[in-house]
Amino acid sequence: MLFLFEQLLLIVSWIIGWMIFAKPKFLKRQEPLIFPSVSVIIPARNEETNIAKIIRLLKEQTYKNFQIIVVNDNSTDKTRDVVLSFKGVELIDLSEEPPKGWVGKSWACWNGFLKADGEILIFMDADVEPSPEAIESLVAIYSKNKGFVSVWPYQRFEKLYEHLTLPFNMVVVGSTGSFSIFSGKPKGSYGPVIVVGRQDYARLGGHSATKSQVLEDVKLGNIFADNGYCLENYLGGELIKFRMYPIGIGQMFEGFTKNMSLGAASVGVNFFLIFLWMIGLYSAAFGIL
């Protein structure tokens, strides 16, 4: 009887999972019809293990009309030295903690914007791994509807413990409701890659409007959506990947708090369904109930 119950629970869990992720949107290679100037802004605090990789990958892009800005957010490691070893990369040094009322990432992104020249702004986390066609594809997608585009990268694993992050990332991906059968207006956006127009960003206040928010990416996407802009969330697929928490388990658990907070912040049917899905799936799979 217990076995049958577990099998039923597993089936129900997969049905719920399908409801949450029924309509995934993967980033696909596209060639833009126009080639506006682009500023890629990378907030970086203690990113010496990642920053060289993302700069090298950006320098291999097929899209050429863009600048790279790295905001060294008061790092205590060698992030600054690594950035300076590359030619053609603009470095912004923030040597103090953010002003009162500001959270670190929003402060770094805002300072990057203040130095940016591009018509399109792409905010990209330091652990992101863009393929050579990533920038041109992001520009092409943005140019169709303008508005706000965000991407959750494909998660790449190298060590066994990194697989433990997958359930938490599924919470992040699913909680916006972007890919569910109930999808309407997404509840927020993803932080690793964000694409916006410079003028729109400035008009709405950009990261200064989210300066006190830990979940600045969710808030920023909602600000654009609430002001009538098209908000589109994508999965990175083959074009944009990342490897989360490569340093070790300690770094992984530090990230769990924010990821789960993002899920809890997305109230309503999406978070409720994800909660049921995870409980049912893991209970059935491991015989917990």
C-alpha atoms as a PDB file:
ATOM      1  CA  MET A   1       0.000   0.000   0.000  1.00  0.00           C
ATOM      2  CA  LEU A   2       2.831   2.392   0.879  1.00  0.00           C
ATOM      3  CA  PHE A   3       4.511   1.595  -2.441  1.00  0.00           C
ATOM      4  CA  LEU A   4       1.330   2.449  -4.372  1.00  0.00           C
ATOM      5  CA  PHE A   5       0.979   5.689  -2.428  1.00  0.00           C
ATOM      6  CA  GLU A   6       4.536   6.674  -3.269  1.00  0.00           C
ATOM      7  CA  GLN A   7       3.982   5.887  -6.947  1.00  0.00           C
ATOM      8  CA  LEU A   8       0.809   7.979  -6.985  1.00  0.00           C
ATOM      9  CA  LEU A   9       2.633  10.806  -5.238  1.00  0.00           C
ATOM     10  CA  LEU A  10       5.391  10.642  -7.844  1.00  0.00           C
ATOM     11  CA  ILE A  11       2.878  10.831 -10.703  1.00  0.00           C
ATOM     12  CA  VAL A  12       1.083  13.788  -9.120  1.00  0.00           C
ATOM     13  CA  SER A  13       4.430  15.512  -8.589  1.00  0.00           C
ATOM     14  CA  TRP A  14       5.393  15.134 -12.227  1.00  0.00           C
ATOM     15  CA  ILE A  15       2.000  16.521 -13.288  1.00  0.00           C
ATOM     16  CA  ILE A  16       2.551  19.543 -11.071  1.00  0.00           C
ATOM     17  CA  GLY A  17       6.068  19.900 -12.469  1.00  0.00           C
ATOM     18  CA  TRP A  18       4.662  19.907 -15.977  1.00  0.00           C
ATOM     19  CA  MET A  19       2.174  22.611 -14.988  1.00  0.00           C
ATOM     20  CA  ILE A  20       5.011  24.797 -13.691  1.00  0.00           C
ATOM     21  CA  PHE A  21       7.402  24.311 -16.621  1.00  0.00           C
ATOM     22  CA  ALA A  22       5.003  23.542 -19.482  1.00  0.00           C
ATOM     23  CA  LYS A  23       6.097  26.415 -21.722  1.00  0.00           C
ATOM     24  CA  PRO A  24       9.847  26.994 -21.389  1.00  0.00           C
ATOM     25  CA  LYS A  25      11.424  29.746 -23.491  1.00  0.00           C
ATOM     26  CA  PHE A  26      15.024  29.026 -24.393  1.00  0.00           C
ATOM     27  CA  LEU A  27      17.372  31.666 -25.681  1.00  0.00           C
ATOM     28  CA  LYS A  28      18.159  30.865 -29.321  1.00  0.00           C
ATOM     29  CA  ARG A  29      20.714  32.288 -31.682  1.00  0.00           C
ATOM     30  CA  GLN A  30      19.397  35.243 -33.628  1.00  0.00           C
ATOM     31  CA  GLU A  31      21.113  37.849 -35.765  1.00  0.00           C
ATOM     32  CA  PRO A  32      20.028  41.436 -35.137  1.00  0.00           C
ATOM     33  CA  LEU A  33      18.787  43.630 -37.959  1.00  0.00           C
ATOM     34  CA  ILE A  34      20.310  46.705 -36.361  1.00  0.00           C
ATOM     35  CA  PHE A  35      23.519  47.061 -34.369  1.00  0.00           C
ATOM     36  CA  PRO A  36      23.100  49.643 -31.597  1.00  0.00           C
ATOM     37  CA  SER A  37      25.887  50.340 -29.137  1.00  0.00           C
ATOM     38  CA  VAL A  38      25.865  48.088 -26.085  1.00  0.00           C
ATOM     39  CA  SER A  39      27.390  48.388 -22.614  1.00  0.00           C
ATOM     40  CA  VAL A  40      27.991  45.123 -20.761  1.00  0.00           C
ATOM     41  CA  ILE A  41      28.148  45.923 -17.044  1.00  0.00           C
ATOM     42  CA  ILE A  42      29.602  43.314 -14.672  1.00  0.00           C
ATOM     43  CA  PRO A  43      29.256  43.894 -10.914  1.00  0.00           C
ATOM     44  CA  ALA A  44      32.131  42.033  -9.272  1.00  0.00           C
ATOM     45  CA  ARG A  45      32.838  41.558  -5.584  1.00  0.00           C
ATOM     46  CA  ASN A  46      35.619  39.066  -4.847  1.00  0.00           C
ATOM     47  CA  GLU A  47      35.299  37.442  -8.266  1.00  0.00           C
ATOM     48  CA  GLU A  48      38.951  36.675  -9.035  1.00  0.00           C
ATOM     49  CA  THR A  49      38.008  33.051  -9.821  1.00  0.00           C
ATOM     50  CA  ASN A  50      35.405  34.095 -12.430  1.00  0.00           C
ATOM     51  CA  ILE A  51      36.222  37.496 -13.847  1.00  0.00           C
ATOM     52  CA  ALA A  52      38.983  36.473 -16.276  1.00  0.00           C
ATOM     53  CA  LYS A  53      36.758  33.795 -17.789  1.00  0.00           C
ATOM     54  CA  ILE A  54      33.820  36.083 -18.518  1.00  0.00           C
ATOM     55  CA  ILE A  55      36.071  38.812 -19.955  1.00  0.00           C
ATOM     56  CA  ARG A  56      37.735  36.305 -22.311  1.00  0.00           C
ATOM     57  CA  LEU A  57      34.328  35.018 -23.426  1.00  0.00           C
ATOM     58  CA  LEU A  58      33.057  38.538 -24.035  1.00  0.00           C
ATOM     59  CA  LYS A  59      36.091  39.337 -26.172  1.00  0.00           C
ATOM     60  CA  GLU A  60      35.147  36.364 -28.386  1.00  0.00           C
ATOM     61  CA  GLN A  61      31.682  37.728 -29.190  1.00  0.00           C
ATOM     62  CA  THR A  62      30.480  37.931 -32.774  1.00  0.00           C
ATOM     63  CA  TYR A  63      28.810  41.248 -31.896  1.00  0.00           C
ATOM     64  CA  LYS A  64      31.441  43.964 -31.918  1.00  0.00           C
ATOM     65  CA  ASN A  65      29.696  47.240 -31.074  1.00  0.00           C
ATOM     66  CA  PHE A  66      29.923  46.999 -27.297  1.00  0.00           C
ATOM     67  CA  GLN A  67      32.016  48.025 -24.325  1.00  0.00           C
ATOM     68  CA  ILE A  68      32.884  45.981 -21.237  1.00  0.00           C
ATOM     69  CA  ILE A  69      32.596  47.669 -17.834  1.00  0.00           C
ATOM     70  CA  VAL A  70      33.632  45.836 -14.681  1.00  0.00           C
ATOM     71  CA  VAL A  71      32.601  47.399 -11.378  1.00  0.00           C
ATOM     72  CA  ASN A  72      35.030  46.243  -8.707  1.00  0.00           C
ATOM     73  CA  ASP A  73      32.716  46.368  -5.706  1.00  0.00           C
ATOM     74  CA  ASN A  74      35.180  46.866  -2.840  1.00  0.00           C
ATOM     75  CA  SER A  75      36.782  43.461  -3.421  1.00  0.00           C
ATOM     76  CA  THR A  76      39.335  42.128  -0.950  1.00  0.00           C
ATOM     77  CA  ASP A  77      40.837  39.615  -3.387  1.00  0.00           C
ATOM     78  CA  LYS A  78      42.666  40.122  -6.709  1.00  0.00           C
ATOM     79  CA  THR A  79      39.608  40.995  -8.805  1.00  0.00           C
ATOM     80  CA  ARG A  80      41.018  44.436  -9.635  1.00  0.00           C
ATOM     81  CA  ASP A  81      44.422  43.088 -10.706  1.00  0.00           C
ATOM     82  CA  VAL A  82      42.840  40.492 -12.968  1.00  0.00           C
ATOM     83  CA  VAL A  83      40.683  43.085 -14.708  1.00  0.00           C
ATOM     84  CA  LEU A  84      43.644  45.392 -15.237  1.00  0.00           C
ATOM     85  CA  SER A  85      45.491  42.584 -17.022  1.00  0.00           C
ATOM     86  CA  PHE A  86      43.015  42.901 -19.918  1.00  0.00           C
ATOM     87  CA  LYS A  87      43.140  45.669 -22.502  1.00  0.00           C
ATOM     88  CA  GLY A  88      39.982  47.427 -23.577  1.00  0.00           C
ATOM     89  CA  VAL A  89      38.054  46.800 -20.357  1.00  0.00           C
ATOM     90  CA  GLU A  90      36.862  49.783 -18.346  1.00  0.00           C
ATOM     91  CA  LEU A  91      37.322  49.320 -14.594  1.00  0.00           C
ATOM     92  CA  ILE A  92      35.291  51.191 -12.004  1.00  0.00           C
ATOM     93  CA  ASP A  93      36.746  50.943  -8.509  1.00  0.00           C
ATOM     94  CA  LEU A  94      34.387  51.200  -5.559  1.00  0.00           C
ATOM     95  CA  SER A  95      36.688  51.245  -2.566  1.00  0.00           C
ATOM     96  CA  GLU A  96      34.060  51.761   0.127  1.00  0.00           C
ATOM     97  CA  GLU A  97      30.848  50.100   1.210  1.00  0.00           C
ATOM     98  CA  PRO A  98      27.618  51.408  -0.397  1.00  0.00           C
ATOM     99  CA  PRO A  99      26.025  54.578   0.988  1.00  0.00           C
ATOM    100  CA  LYS A 100      23.322  54.210   3.595  1.00  0.00           C
ATOM    101  CA  GLY A 101      20.150  52.749   2.121  1.00  0.00           C
ATOM    102  CA  TRP A 102      21.919  50.935  -0.725  1.00  0.00           C
ATOM    103  CA  VAL A 103      22.512  47.188  -1.140  1.00  0.00           C
ATOM    104  CA  GLY A 104      25.835  46.237  -2.723  1.00  0.00           C
ATOM    105  CA  LYS A 105      24.809  44.824  -6.102  1.00  0.00           C
ATOM    106  CA  SER A 106      22.374  47.637  -6.885  1.00  0.00           C
ATOM    107  CA  TRP A 107      25.084  50.182  -6.008  1.00  0.00           C
ATOM    108  CA  ALA A 108      27.595  48.466  -8.291  1.00  0.00           C
ATOM    109  CA  CYS A 109      25.134  48.225 -11.185  1.00  0.00           C
ATOM    110  CA  TRP A 110      24.131  51.860 -10.790  1.00  0.00           C
ATOM    111  CA  ASN A 111      27.742  53.028 -10.880  1.00  0.00           C
ATOM    112  CA  GLY A 112      28.304  50.938 -13.988  1.00  0.00           C
ATOM    113  CA  PHE A 113      25.336  52.614 -15.654  1.00  0.00           C
ATOM    114  CA  LEU A 114      26.696  56.073 -14.828  1.00  0.00           C
ATOM    115  CA  LYS A 115      29.836  55.295 -16.861  1.00  0.00           C
ATOM    116  CA  ALA A 116      28.111  53.410 -19.677  1.00  0.00           C
ATOM    117  CA  ASP A 117      27.833  54.788 -23.217  1.00  0.00           C
ATOM    118  CA  GLY A 118      25.656  52.120 -24.849  1.00  0.00           C
ATOM    119  CA  GLU A 119      22.107  52.521 -26.127  1.00  0.00           C
ATOM    120  CA  ILE A 120      21.440  49.055 -24.667  1.00  0.00           C
ATOM    121  CA  LEU A 121      22.589  47.993 -21.205  1.00  0.00           C
ATOM    122  CA  ILE A 122      23.359  44.357 -20.414  1.00  0.00           C
ATOM    123  CA  PHE A 123      23.939  43.603 -16.743  1.00  0.00           C
ATOM    124  CA  MET A 124      25.756  40.285 -16.420  1.00  0.00           C
ATOM    125  CA  ASP A 125      26.923  38.451 -13.292  1.00  0.00           C
ATOM    126  CA  ALA A 126      30.611  37.564 -13.153  1.00  0.00           C
ATOM    127  CA  ASP A 127      29.966  33.790 -13.144  1.00  0.00           C
ATOM    128  CA  VAL A 128      28.003  33.876 -16.414  1.00  0.00           C
ATOM    129  CA  GLU A 129      29.501  32.069 -19.420  1.00  0.00           C
ATOM    130  CA  PRO A 130      28.198  33.637 -22.661  1.00  0.00           C
ATOM    131  CA  SER A 131      28.667  31.781 -25.930  1.00  0.00           C
ATOM    132  CA  PRO A 132      30.144  33.786 -28.851  1.00  0.00           C
ATOM    133  CA  GLU A 133      26.627  34.463 -30.184  1.00  0.00           C
ATOM    134  CA  ALA A 134      25.118  35.516 -26.847  1.00  0.00           C
ATOM    135  CA  ILE A 135      25.334  39.304 -27.193  1.00  0.00           C
ATOM    136  CA  GLU A 136      24.025  39.398 -30.750  1.00  0.00           C
ATOM    137  CA  SER A 137      21.113  37.158 -29.773  1.00  0.00           C
ATOM    138  CA  LEU A 138      20.239  39.295 -26.757  1.00  0.00           C
ATOM    139  CA  VAL A 139      20.314  42.425 -28.909  1.00  0.00           C
ATOM    140  CA  ALA A 140      18.077  40.764 -31.507  1.00  0.00           C
ATOM    141  CA  ILE A 141      15.515  39.677 -28.893  1.00  0.00           C
ATOM    142  CA  TYR A 142      15.518  43.042 -27.155  1.00  0.00           C
ATOM    143  CA  SER A 143      15.138  44.926 -30.444  1.00  0.00           C
ATOM    144  CA  LYS A 144      11.861  43.126 -31.242  1.00  0.00           C
ATOM    145  CA  ASN A 145       9.835  44.227 -28.232  1.00  0.00           C
ATOM    146  CA  LYS A 146      12.139  46.629 -26.371  1.00  0.00           C
ATOM    147  CA  GLY A 147      11.140  46.560 -22.719  1.00  0.00           C
ATOM    148  CA  PHE A 148      12.998  44.247 -20.343  1.00  0.00           C
ATOM    149  CA  VAL A 149      14.691  40.908 -21.030  1.00  0.00           C
ATOM    150  CA  SER A 150      16.218  38.610 -18.398  1.00  0.00           C
ATOM    151  CA  VAL A 151      17.892  35.214 -18.646  1.00  0.00           C
ATOM    152  CA  TRP A 152      18.434  32.386 -16.181  1.00  0.00           C
ATOM    153  CA  PRO A 153      21.554  30.576 -17.479  1.00  0.00           C
ATOM    154  CA  TYR A 154      21.823  26.838 -18.000  1.00  0.00           C
ATOM    155  CA  GLN A 155      23.482  25.460 -14.888  1.00  0.00           C
ATOM    156  CA  ARG A 156      26.727  23.608 -15.518  1.00  0.00           C
ATOM    157  CA  PHE A 157      28.025  21.100 -12.952  1.00  0.00           C
ATOM    158  CA  GLU A 158      31.600  19.996 -12.294  1.00  0.00           C
ATOM    159  CA  LYS A 159      31.501  18.624  -8.731  1.00  0.00           C
ATOM    160  CA  LEU A 160      29.046  16.300  -7.030  1.00  0.00           C
ATOM    161  CA  TYR A 161      27.910  18.768  -4.344  1.00  0.00           C
ATOM    162  CA  GLU A 162      26.893  21.294  -7.013  1.00  0.00           C
ATOM    163  CA  HIS A 163      23.951  19.073  -7.963  1.00  0.00           C
ATOM    164  CA  LEU A 164      22.417  19.930  -4.591  1.00  0.00           C
ATOM    165  CA  THR A 165      21.707  23.436  -5.886  1.00  0.00           C
ATOM    166  CA  LEU A 166      19.373  22.231  -8.636  1.00  0.00           C
ATOM    167  CA  PRO A 167      16.138  22.095  -6.561  1.00  0.00           C
ATOM    168  CA  PHE A 168      16.730  25.601  -5.251  1.00  0.00           C
ATOM    169  CA  ASN A 169      17.369  26.922  -8.739  1.00  0.00           C
ATOM    170  CA  MET A 170      14.175  25.296  -9.933  1.00  0.00           C
ATOM    171  CA  VAL A 171      12.374  27.309  -7.252  1.00  0.00           C
ATOM    172  CA  VAL A 172      13.947  30.491  -8.614  1.00  0.00           C
ATOM    173  CA  VAL A 173      13.116  29.648 -12.225  1.00  0.00           C
ATOM    174  CA  GLY A 174       9.560  28.529 -11.513  1.00  0.00           C
ATOM    175  CA  SER A 175       8.531  31.198  -9.050  1.00  0.00           C
ATOM    176  CA  THR A 176       8.251  33.932 -11.681  1.00  0.00           C
ATOM    177  CA  GLY A 177       5.521  31.908 -13.387  1.00  0.00           C
ATOM    178  CA  SER A 178       7.106  32.632 -16.761  1.00  0.00           C
ATOM    179  CA  PHE A 179       6.799  29.084 -18.091  1.00  0.00           C
ATOM    180  CA  SER A 180       3.698  27.664 -16.362  1.00  0.00           C
ATOM    181  CA  ILE A 181       0.324  26.898 -17.897  1.00  0.00           C
ATOM    182  CA  PHE A 182      -1.016  29.776 -15.806  1.00  0.00           C
ATOM    183  CA  SER A 183       1.516  32.247 -17.114  1.00  0.00           C
ATOM    184  CA  GLY A 184       0.316  35.793 -17.510  1.00  0.00           C
ATOM    185  CA  LYS A 185       2.502  38.704 -16.546  1.00  0.00           C
ATOM    186  CA  PRO A 186       5.702  37.287 -14.966  1.00  0.00           C
ATOM    187  CA  LYS A 187       6.195  37.958 -11.265  1.00  0.00           C
ATOM    188  CA  GLY A 188       9.671  39.406 -11.455  1.00  0.00           C
ATOM    189  CA  SER A 189      12.773  38.631 -13.460  1.00  0.00           C
ATOM    190  CA  TYR A 190      16.146  36.884 -13.208  1.00  0.00           C
ATOM    191  CA  GLY A 191      19.320  38.602 -12.085  1.00  0.00           C
ATOM    192  CA  PRO A 192      22.240  36.865 -13.850  1.00  0.00           C
ATOM    193  CA  VAL A 193      21.545  38.547 -17.217  1.00  0.00           C
ATOM    194  CA  ILE A 194      19.345  41.623 -17.687  1.00  0.00           C
ATOM    195  CA  VAL A 195      18.891  43.613 -20.923  1.00  0.00           C
ATOM    196  CA  VAL A 196      17.268  47.057 -20.969  1.00  0.00           C
ATOM    197  CA  GLY A 197      17.321  50.234 -23.003  1.00  0.00           C
ATOM    198  CA  ARG A 198      19.464  52.995 -21.562  1.00  0.00           C
ATOM    199  CA  GLN A 199      16.774  55.686 -21.797  1.00  0.00           C
ATOM    200  CA  ASP A 200      14.082  53.465 -20.272  1.00  0.00           C
ATOM    201  CA  TYR A 201      16.400  52.434 -17.442  1.00  0.00           C
ATOM    202  CA  ALA A 202      17.231  56.056 -16.657  1.00  0.00           C
ATOM    203  CA  ARG A 203      13.595  57.182 -16.850  1.00  0.00           C
ATOM    204  CA  LEU A 204      12.455  54.550 -14.327  1.00  0.00           C
ATOM    205  CA  GLY A 205      15.365  55.074 -11.988  1.00  0.00           C
ATOM    206  CA  GLY A 206      17.093  51.758 -12.733  1.00  0.00           C
ATOM    207  CA  HIS A 207      18.906  50.223  -9.790  1.00  0.00           C
ATOM    208  CA  SER A 208      18.469  53.406  -7.765  1.00  0.00           C
ATOM    209  CA  ALA A 209      14.798  52.421  -7.568  1.00  0.00           C
ATOM    210  CA  THR A 210      15.820  49.054  -6.077  1.00  0.00           C
ATOM    211  CA  LYS A 211      18.697  50.307  -3.938  1.00  0.00           C
ATOM    212  CA  SER A 212      17.418  48.823  -0.676  1.00  0.00           C
ATOM    213  CA  GLN A 213      16.213  45.525  -2.171  1.00  0.00           C
ATOM    214  CA  VAL A 214      18.089  42.253  -1.624  1.00  0.00           C
ATOM    215  CA  LEU A 215      16.084  40.793  -4.527  1.00  0.00           C
ATOM    216  CA  GLU A 216      16.820  43.726  -6.790  1.00  0.00           C
ATOM    217  CA  ASP A 217      16.316  41.686  -9.966  1.00  0.00           C
ATOM    218  CA  VAL A 218      12.726  40.756  -9.046  1.00  0.00           C
ATOM    219  CA  LYS A 219      11.883  44.340  -8.142  1.00  0.00           C
ATOM    220  CA  LEU A 220      13.501  45.856 -11.244  1.00  0.00           C
ATOM    221  CA  GLY A 221      11.576  43.600 -13.602  1.00  0.00           C
ATOM    222  CA  ASN A 222       8.319  44.425 -11.837  1.00  0.00           C
ATOM    223  CA  ILE A 223       9.023  48.159 -12.069  1.00  0.00           C
ATOM    224  CA  PHE A 224       9.316  47.867 -15.857  1.00  0.00           C
ATOM    225  CA  ALA A 225       6.213  45.670 -16.115  1.00  0.00           C
ATOM    226  CA  ASP A 226       4.158  47.983 -13.891  1.00  0.00           C
ATOM    227  CA  ASN A 227       5.053  50.867 -16.194  1.00  0.00           C
ATOM    228  CA  GLY A 228       3.739  49.094 -19.269  1.00  0.00           C
ATOM    229  CA  TYR A 229       6.966  47.620 -20.650  1.00  0.00           C
ATOM    230  CA  CYS A 230       7.150  44.128 -22.095  1.00  0.00           C
ATOM    231  CA  LEU A 231       8.848  41.787 -19.582  1.00  0.00           C
ATOM    232  CA  GLU A 232      10.352  38.612 -21.056  1.00  0.00           C
ATOM    233  CA  ASN A 233      12.186  35.880 -19.135  1.00  0.00           C
ATOM    234  CA  TYR A 234      14.269  33.214 -20.875  1.00  0.00           C
ATOM    235  CA  LEU A 235      16.313  30.139 -20.071  1.00  0.00           C
ATOM    236  CA  GLY A 236      19.912  30.331 -21.265  1.00  0.00           C
ATOM    237  CA  GLY A 237      19.988  27.028 -23.154  1.00  0.00           C
ATOM    238  CA  GLU A 238      23.188  26.614 -25.165  1.00  0.00           C
ATOM    239  CA  LEU A 239      23.903  30.333 -25.423  1.00  0.00           C
ATOM    240  CA  ILE A 240      24.302  31.376 -21.781  1.00  0.00           C
ATOM    241  CA  LYS A 241      25.489  29.099 -18.997  1.00  0.00           C
ATOM    242  CA  PHE A 242      26.953  29.391 -15.525  1.00  0.00           C
ATOM    243  CA  ARG A 243      28.492  27.301 -12.807  1.00  0.00           C
ATOM    244  CA  MET A 244      27.227  28.236  -9.384  1.00  0.00           C
ATOM    245  CA  TYR A 245      29.234  28.090  -6.151  1.00  0.00           C
ATOM    246  CA  PRO A 246      32.499  26.649  -7.518  1.00  0.00           C
ATOM    247  CA  ILE A 247      34.434  27.536  -4.363  1.00  0.00           C
ATOM    248  CA  GLY A 248      32.751  24.987  -2.113  1.00  0.00           C
ATOM    249  CA  ILE A 249      29.784  23.923  -0.011  1.00  0.00           C
ATOM    250  CA  GLY A 250      30.055  26.958   2.275  1.00  0.00           C
ATOM    251  CA  GLN A 251      29.541  29.313  -0.652  1.00  0.00           C
ATOM    252  CA  MET A 252      26.607  27.187  -1.803  1.00  0.00           C
ATOM    253  CA  PHE A 253      24.740  27.463   1.490  1.00  0.00           C
ATOM    254  CA  GLU A 254      25.256  31.221   1.538  1.00  0.00           C
ATOM    255  CA  GLY A 255      23.433  31.407  -1.777  1.00  0.00           C
ATOM    256  CA  PHE A 256      20.538  29.215  -0.663  1.00  0.00           C
ATOM    257  CA  THR A 257      19.067  31.909   1.576  1.00  0.00           C
ATOM    258  CA  LYS A 258      18.637  34.391  -1.245  1.00  0.00           C
ATOM    259  CA  ASN A 259      17.270  31.801  -3.674  1.00  0.00           C
ATOM    260  CA  MET A 260      14.639  30.583  -1.246  1.00  0.00           C
ATOM    261  CA  SER A 261      13.733  34.173  -0.361  1.00  0.00           C
ATOM    262  CA  LEU A 262      13.092  34.790  -4.047  1.00  0.00           C
ATOM    263  CA  GLY A 263      10.691  31.870  -4.138  1.00  0.00           C
ATOM    264  CA  ALA A 264       8.893  32.995  -1.003  1.00  0.00           C
ATOM    265  CA  ALA A 265       8.650  36.533  -2.360  1.00  0.00           C
ATOM    266  CA  SER A 266       6.737  35.240  -5.402  1.00  0.00           C
ATOM    267  CA  VAL A 267       3.468  34.571  -3.670  1.00  0.00           C
ATOM    268  CA  GLY A 268       0.472  32.887  -5.225  1.00  0.00           C
ATOM    269  CA  VAL A 269      -0.179  29.775  -7.237  1.00  0.00           C
ATOM    270  CA  ASN A 270       3.337  29.467  -8.669  1.00  0.00           C
ATOM    271  CA  PHE A 271       5.177  29.193  -5.362  1.00  0.00           C
ATOM    272  CA  PHE A 272       2.432  26.971  -3.903  1.00  0.00           C
ATOM    273  CA  LEU A 273       2.710  24.569  -6.849  1.00  0.00           C
ATOM    274  CA  ILE A 274       6.503  24.484  -6.635  1.00  0.00           C
ATOM    275  CA  PHE A 275       6.310  23.730  -2.922  1.00  0.00           C
ATOM    276  CA  LEU A 276       3.917  20.815  -3.558  1.00  0.00           C
ATOM    277  CA  TRP A 277       6.020  19.582  -6.452  1.00  0.00           C
ATOM    278  CA  MET A 278       9.239  19.441  -4.455  1.00  0.00           C
ATOM    279  CA  ILE A 279       7.596  17.851  -1.404  1.00  0.00           C
ATOM    280  CA  GLY A 280       5.884  15.206  -3.496  1.00  0.00           C
ATOM    281  CA  LEU A 281       8.827  14.474  -5.762  1.00  0.00           C
ATOM    282  CA  TYR A 282      11.415  14.018  -3.035  1.00  0.00           C
ATOM    283  CA  SER A 283       9.064  12.241  -0.670  1.00  0.00           C
ATOM    284  CA  ALA A 284       8.159   9.688  -3.325  1.00  0.00           C
ATOM    285  CA  ALA A 285      11.681   9.313  -4.656  1.00  0.00           C
ATOM    286  CA  PHE A 286      13.293   8.704  -1.278  1.00  0.00           C
ATOM    287  CA  GLY A 287      10.413   7.060   0.548  1.00  0.00           C
ATOM    288  CA  ILE A 288      10.132   9.823   3.148  1.00  0.00           C
ATOM    289  CA  LEU A 289       6.376   9.398   3.595  1.00  0.00           C
END
